[in-house]
Amino acid sequence: MRTRPADPPDAARFVSEGISTGPYRWRARALLDAPADVVATMVPSTVAVIEAVDEHRCVLTSGSDSLDSIALHLAHLGIPFIPLDPPELRARCAALARRLHAAATNSQ
């Protein structure tokens, strides 16, 4: 006789996590200062998993072979964010901020 799990897994979430983070070197998480439903309209489920924290914030989880790509993607959303994991993501955000600031203020 077969039994059903008491709490079956969410198939859509399972697939989304596998596609958006599974095959990559880096798995990153960031806290975004926007509601999950708003972010979900901006980021396809094949790119990231979006989880509501409360009515106004969410956590985005995504993967990439480059932390710079993740940092730039987060910045491109135009939403304030805090890098959570990995710790190296915060350092890459700082390095990119310095580089962009230098480019914006260079008058040659």
N, C-alpha and C. Protein backbone atom coordinates (compact mmCIF):
# COMPACT_ATOMS: atom_id res chain seq x y z
N MET A 1 0.84 -1.16 0.00
CA MET A 1 0.00 0.00 0.00
C MET A 1 0.90 1.24 0.00
N ARG A 2 0.60 2.19 -0.86
CA ARG A 2 1.36 3.44 -0.94
C ARG A 2 0.76 4.47 -0.01
N THR A 3 1.62 5.27 0.58
CA THR A 3 1.15 6.34 1.45
C THR A 3 1.55 7.67 0.86
N ARG A 4 0.82 8.67 1.21
CA ARG A 4 1.12 10.03 0.78
C ARG A 4 1.88 10.74 1.88
N PRO A 5 2.83 11.61 1.48
CA PRO A 5 3.51 12.41 2.51
C PRO A 5 2.49 13.29 3.23
N ALA A 6 2.70 13.50 4.50
CA ALA A 6 1.79 14.33 5.28
C ALA A 6 1.74 15.75 4.72
N ASP A 7 2.87 16.26 4.27
CA ASP A 7 2.95 17.61 3.72
C ASP A 7 3.70 17.53 2.39
N PRO A 8 2.98 17.31 1.28
CA PRO A 8 3.67 17.12 0.01
C PRO A 8 4.46 18.37 -0.38
N PRO A 9 5.60 18.18 -1.04
CA PRO A 9 6.41 19.33 -1.44
C PRO A 9 5.71 20.14 -2.52
N ASP A 10 6.05 21.41 -2.59
CA ASP A 10 5.53 22.31 -3.61
C ASP A 10 6.31 22.06 -4.89
N ALA A 11 5.68 21.44 -5.86
CA ALA A 11 6.36 21.04 -7.10
C ALA A 11 6.92 22.24 -7.86
N ALA A 12 6.15 23.31 -7.95
CA ALA A 12 6.61 24.49 -8.68
C ALA A 12 7.84 25.09 -8.01
N ARG A 13 7.83 25.16 -6.70
CA ARG A 13 8.99 25.70 -5.98
C ARG A 13 10.20 24.79 -6.16
N PHE A 14 9.99 23.49 -6.11
CA PHE A 14 11.07 22.53 -6.28
C PHE A 14 11.75 22.73 -7.64
N VAL A 15 10.95 22.87 -8.68
CA VAL A 15 11.50 23.07 -10.03
C VAL A 15 12.18 24.43 -10.12
N SER A 16 11.56 25.47 -9.58
CA SER A 16 12.14 26.81 -9.62
C SER A 16 13.50 26.85 -8.92
N GLU A 17 13.58 26.22 -7.74
CA GLU A 17 14.86 26.20 -7.02
C GLU A 17 15.92 25.44 -7.82
N GLY A 18 15.52 24.34 -8.42
CA GLY A 18 16.47 23.54 -9.20
C GLY A 18 17.01 24.28 -10.40
N ILE A 19 16.16 25.05 -11.06
CA ILE A 19 16.58 25.79 -12.25
C ILE A 19 17.34 27.06 -11.88
N SER A 20 16.87 27.79 -10.87
CA SER A 20 17.43 29.10 -10.58
C SER A 20 18.71 29.06 -9.74
N THR A 21 18.94 27.98 -9.00
CA THR A 21 20.14 27.93 -8.16
C THR A 21 20.96 26.68 -8.33
N GLY A 22 20.34 25.59 -8.71
CA GLY A 22 20.99 24.28 -8.74
C GLY A 22 22.28 24.18 -9.53
N PRO A 23 22.30 24.61 -10.78
CA PRO A 23 23.48 24.33 -11.61
C PRO A 23 24.63 25.33 -11.46
N TYR A 24 24.54 26.24 -10.53
CA TYR A 24 25.51 27.34 -10.47
C TYR A 24 26.51 27.20 -9.32
N ARG A 25 27.65 27.84 -9.49
CA ARG A 25 28.69 27.84 -8.47
C ARG A 25 28.22 28.55 -7.20
N TRP A 26 27.56 29.70 -7.38
CA TRP A 26 27.13 30.52 -6.25
C TRP A 26 25.63 30.47 -6.09
N ARG A 27 25.19 30.37 -4.84
CA ARG A 27 23.77 30.50 -4.48
C ARG A 27 23.70 31.70 -3.56
N ALA A 28 22.98 32.72 -3.99
CA ALA A 28 22.95 33.98 -3.25
C ALA A 28 21.54 34.28 -2.75
N ARG A 29 21.51 34.96 -1.61
CA ARG A 29 20.24 35.43 -1.03
C ARG A 29 20.37 36.89 -0.70
N ALA A 30 19.29 37.64 -0.97
CA ALA A 30 19.27 39.07 -0.64
C ALA A 30 17.89 39.44 -0.12
N LEU A 31 17.87 40.34 0.85
CA LEU A 31 16.63 40.88 1.38
C LEU A 31 16.28 42.12 0.56
N LEU A 32 15.11 42.12 -0.07
CA LEU A 32 14.68 43.24 -0.89
C LEU A 32 13.60 44.02 -0.18
N ASP A 33 13.66 45.33 -0.32
CA ASP A 33 12.70 46.22 0.32
C ASP A 33 11.52 46.45 -0.62
N ALA A 34 10.83 45.36 -0.95
CA ALA A 34 9.65 45.39 -1.81
C ALA A 34 8.83 44.13 -1.55
N PRO A 35 7.53 44.22 -1.76
CA PRO A 35 6.68 43.04 -1.56
C PRO A 35 7.02 41.92 -2.55
N ALA A 36 6.85 40.70 -2.12
CA ALA A 36 7.16 39.54 -2.95
C ALA A 36 6.40 39.55 -4.27
N ASP A 37 5.13 39.94 -4.23
CA ASP A 37 4.35 39.91 -5.47
C ASP A 37 4.85 40.93 -6.49
N VAL A 38 5.39 42.04 -6.03
CA VAL A 38 5.97 43.05 -6.93
C VAL A 38 7.25 42.51 -7.55
N VAL A 39 8.11 41.94 -6.74
CA VAL A 39 9.38 41.40 -7.23
C VAL A 39 9.12 40.24 -8.18
N ALA A 40 8.13 39.41 -7.89
CA ALA A 40 7.82 38.27 -8.74
C ALA A 40 7.41 38.70 -10.15
N THR A 41 6.86 39.89 -10.30
CA THR A 41 6.51 40.37 -11.65
C THR A 41 7.75 40.85 -12.41
N MET A 42 8.84 41.10 -11.69
CA MET A 42 10.07 41.59 -12.31
C MET A 42 11.10 40.51 -12.57
N VAL A 43 10.99 39.41 -11.84
CA VAL A 43 12.00 38.35 -11.90
C VAL A 43 11.32 37.01 -12.18
N PRO A 44 11.60 36.38 -13.32
CA PRO A 44 10.97 35.10 -13.63
C PRO A 44 11.37 34.02 -12.63
N SER A 45 10.51 33.04 -12.46
CA SER A 45 10.79 31.95 -11.52
C SER A 45 11.94 31.07 -11.99
N THR A 46 12.34 31.20 -13.24
CA THR A 46 13.51 30.46 -13.73
C THR A 46 14.81 31.15 -13.33
N VAL A 47 14.71 32.39 -12.83
CA VAL A 47 15.89 33.17 -12.45
C VAL A 47 16.08 33.19 -10.94
N ALA A 48 15.00 33.21 -10.18
CA ALA A 48 15.10 33.32 -8.73
C ALA A 48 13.85 32.80 -8.05
N VAL A 49 14.02 32.45 -6.79
CA VAL A 49 12.90 32.09 -5.92
C VAL A 49 12.66 33.30 -5.03
N ILE A 50 11.41 33.74 -4.95
CA ILE A 50 11.05 34.90 -4.15
C ILE A 50 10.19 34.43 -2.99
N GLU A 51 10.58 34.82 -1.77
CA GLU A 51 9.83 34.43 -0.57
C GLU A 51 9.46 35.68 0.21
N ALA A 52 8.20 35.83 0.55
CA ALA A 52 7.75 36.96 1.35
C ALA A 52 8.31 36.86 2.76
N VAL A 53 8.77 37.98 3.29
CA VAL A 53 9.19 38.08 4.69
C VAL A 53 8.04 38.69 5.47
N ASP A 54 7.47 39.74 4.91
CA ASP A 54 6.29 40.40 5.46
C ASP A 54 5.61 41.12 4.29
N GLU A 55 4.69 42.02 4.57
CA GLU A 55 3.96 42.72 3.51
C GLU A 55 4.84 43.59 2.64
N HIS A 56 6.00 44.01 3.17
CA HIS A 56 6.82 45.02 2.49
C HIS A 56 8.18 44.52 2.03
N ARG A 57 8.58 43.32 2.43
CA ARG A 57 9.92 42.81 2.09
C ARG A 57 9.86 41.36 1.67
N CYS A 58 10.90 40.98 0.93
CA CYS A 58 11.00 39.59 0.51
C CYS A 58 12.47 39.20 0.40
N VAL A 59 12.69 37.90 0.32
CA VAL A 59 14.04 37.38 0.10
C VAL A 59 14.09 36.78 -1.29
N LEU A 60 15.09 37.19 -2.05
CA LEU A 60 15.34 36.66 -3.38
C LEU A 60 16.51 35.70 -3.28
N THR A 61 16.34 34.49 -3.82
CA THR A 61 17.40 33.49 -3.86
C THR A 61 17.66 33.16 -5.32
N SER A 62 18.91 33.29 -5.72
CA SER A 62 19.26 33.04 -7.12
C SER A 62 20.66 32.44 -7.19
N GLY A 63 20.98 31.92 -8.34
CA GLY A 63 22.30 31.33 -8.53
C GLY A 63 22.98 31.89 -9.76
N SER A 64 24.30 31.82 -9.75
CA SER A 64 25.08 32.26 -10.90
C SER A 64 26.51 31.73 -10.72
N ASP A 65 27.24 31.71 -11.80
CA ASP A 65 28.66 31.39 -11.71
C ASP A 65 29.47 32.63 -11.38
N SER A 66 28.80 33.80 -11.30
CA SER A 66 29.48 35.06 -11.03
C SER A 66 28.70 35.87 -10.00
N LEU A 67 29.36 36.21 -8.90
CA LEU A 67 28.72 37.07 -7.90
C LEU A 67 28.50 38.47 -8.45
N ASP A 68 29.36 38.92 -9.35
CA ASP A 68 29.16 40.23 -9.98
C ASP A 68 27.84 40.25 -10.74
N SER A 69 27.53 39.17 -11.43
CA SER A 69 26.28 39.09 -12.18
C SER A 69 25.08 39.20 -11.24
N ILE A 70 25.16 38.52 -10.12
CA ILE A 70 24.06 38.59 -9.14
C ILE A 70 23.94 40.00 -8.59
N ALA A 71 25.06 40.61 -8.22
CA ALA A 71 25.04 41.96 -7.66
C ALA A 71 24.47 42.95 -8.67
N LEU A 72 24.88 42.85 -9.92
CA LEU A 72 24.37 43.76 -10.95
C LEU A 72 22.89 43.52 -11.22
N HIS A 73 22.47 42.26 -11.20
CA HIS A 73 21.05 41.95 -11.39
C HIS A 73 20.22 42.57 -10.27
N LEU A 74 20.68 42.43 -9.05
CA LEU A 74 19.97 43.02 -7.91
C LEU A 74 19.91 44.54 -8.04
N ALA A 75 21.02 45.16 -8.40
CA ALA A 75 21.04 46.62 -8.56
C ALA A 75 20.11 47.06 -9.69
N HIS A 76 20.07 46.27 -10.74
CA HIS A 76 19.25 46.61 -11.91
C HIS A 76 17.76 46.62 -11.57
N LEU A 77 17.35 45.90 -10.55
CA LEU A 77 15.94 45.88 -10.16
C LEU A 77 15.46 47.25 -9.69
N GLY A 78 16.40 48.07 -9.20
CA GLY A 78 16.03 49.40 -8.71
C GLY A 78 15.33 49.37 -7.36
N ILE A 79 15.54 48.31 -6.61
CA ILE A 79 14.93 48.13 -5.29
C ILE A 79 16.04 48.07 -4.25
N PRO A 80 15.92 48.81 -3.15
CA PRO A 80 16.93 48.68 -2.10
C PRO A 80 17.04 47.23 -1.63
N PHE A 81 18.28 46.77 -1.42
CA PHE A 81 18.48 45.39 -1.00
C PHE A 81 19.67 45.28 -0.06
N ILE A 82 19.67 44.19 0.69
CA ILE A 82 20.77 43.85 1.59
C ILE A 82 21.24 42.45 1.22
N PRO A 83 22.51 42.30 0.83
CA PRO A 83 23.03 40.96 0.55
C PRO A 83 23.05 40.15 1.85
N LEU A 84 22.53 38.93 1.82
CA LEU A 84 22.52 38.07 3.00
C LEU A 84 23.57 36.97 2.90
N ASP A 85 23.57 36.24 1.80
CA ASP A 85 24.49 35.13 1.60
C ASP A 85 24.90 35.07 0.14
N PRO A 86 26.06 34.63 -0.15
CA PRO A 86 27.19 34.37 0.73
C PRO A 86 27.83 35.69 1.16
N PRO A 87 28.70 35.67 2.17
CA PRO A 87 29.35 36.91 2.62
C PRO A 87 30.12 37.60 1.49
N GLU A 88 30.62 36.83 0.55
CA GLU A 88 31.38 37.40 -0.57
C GLU A 88 30.52 38.31 -1.45
N LEU A 89 29.19 38.13 -1.44
CA LEU A 89 28.32 38.98 -2.25
C LEU A 89 28.38 40.43 -1.79
N ARG A 90 28.43 40.64 -0.50
CA ARG A 90 28.52 42.01 0.03
C ARG A 90 29.82 42.67 -0.43
N ALA A 91 30.91 41.90 -0.41
CA ALA A 91 32.20 42.43 -0.87
C ALA A 91 32.17 42.77 -2.36
N ARG A 92 31.51 41.93 -3.16
CA ARG A 92 31.41 42.20 -4.60
C ARG A 92 30.55 43.43 -4.86
N CYS A 93 29.49 43.62 -4.07
CA CYS A 93 28.66 44.83 -4.20
C CYS A 93 29.50 46.07 -3.91
N ALA A 94 30.33 46.01 -2.86
CA ALA A 94 31.18 47.15 -2.51
C ALA A 94 32.19 47.43 -3.61
N ALA A 95 32.80 46.40 -4.16
CA ALA A 95 33.79 46.59 -5.23
C ALA A 95 33.14 47.19 -6.47
N LEU A 96 31.97 46.70 -6.83
CA LEU A 96 31.26 47.25 -7.99
C LEU A 96 30.83 48.68 -7.74
N ALA A 97 30.42 49.00 -6.52
CA ALA A 97 30.03 50.38 -6.19
C ALA A 97 31.23 51.31 -6.36
N ARG A 98 32.39 50.89 -5.92
CA ARG A 98 33.59 51.72 -6.08
C ARG A 98 33.91 51.92 -7.56
N ARG A 99 33.83 50.85 -8.33
CA ARG A 99 34.13 50.93 -9.75
C ARG A 99 33.13 51.85 -10.48
N LEU A 100 31.86 51.70 -10.17
CA LEU A 100 30.84 52.54 -10.80
C LEU A 100 30.97 53.99 -10.38
N HIS A 101 31.29 54.22 -9.12
CA HIS A 101 31.50 55.59 -8.63
C HIS A 101 32.68 56.23 -9.35
N ALA A 102 33.76 55.48 -9.51
CA ALA A 102 34.93 56.01 -10.21
C ALA A 102 34.58 56.33 -11.67
N ALA A 103 33.81 55.48 -12.30
CA ALA A 103 33.42 55.73 -13.68
C ALA A 103 32.53 56.96 -13.79
N ALA A 104 31.65 57.15 -12.82
CA ALA A 104 30.72 58.28 -12.86
C ALA A 104 31.40 59.61 -12.55
N THR A 105 32.51 59.57 -11.84
CA THR A 105 33.16 60.82 -11.44
C THR A 105 34.44 61.09 -12.22
N ASN A 106 34.81 60.21 -13.12
CA ASN A 106 36.02 60.40 -13.93
C ASN A 106 35.75 61.44 -15.02
N SER A 107 36.52 62.51 -15.01
CA SER A 107 36.32 63.57 -16.00
C SER A 107 37.39 63.58 -17.07
N GLN A 108 38.38 62.73 -16.96
CA GLN A 108 39.51 62.63 -17.89
C GLN A 108 39.96 63.98 -18.26
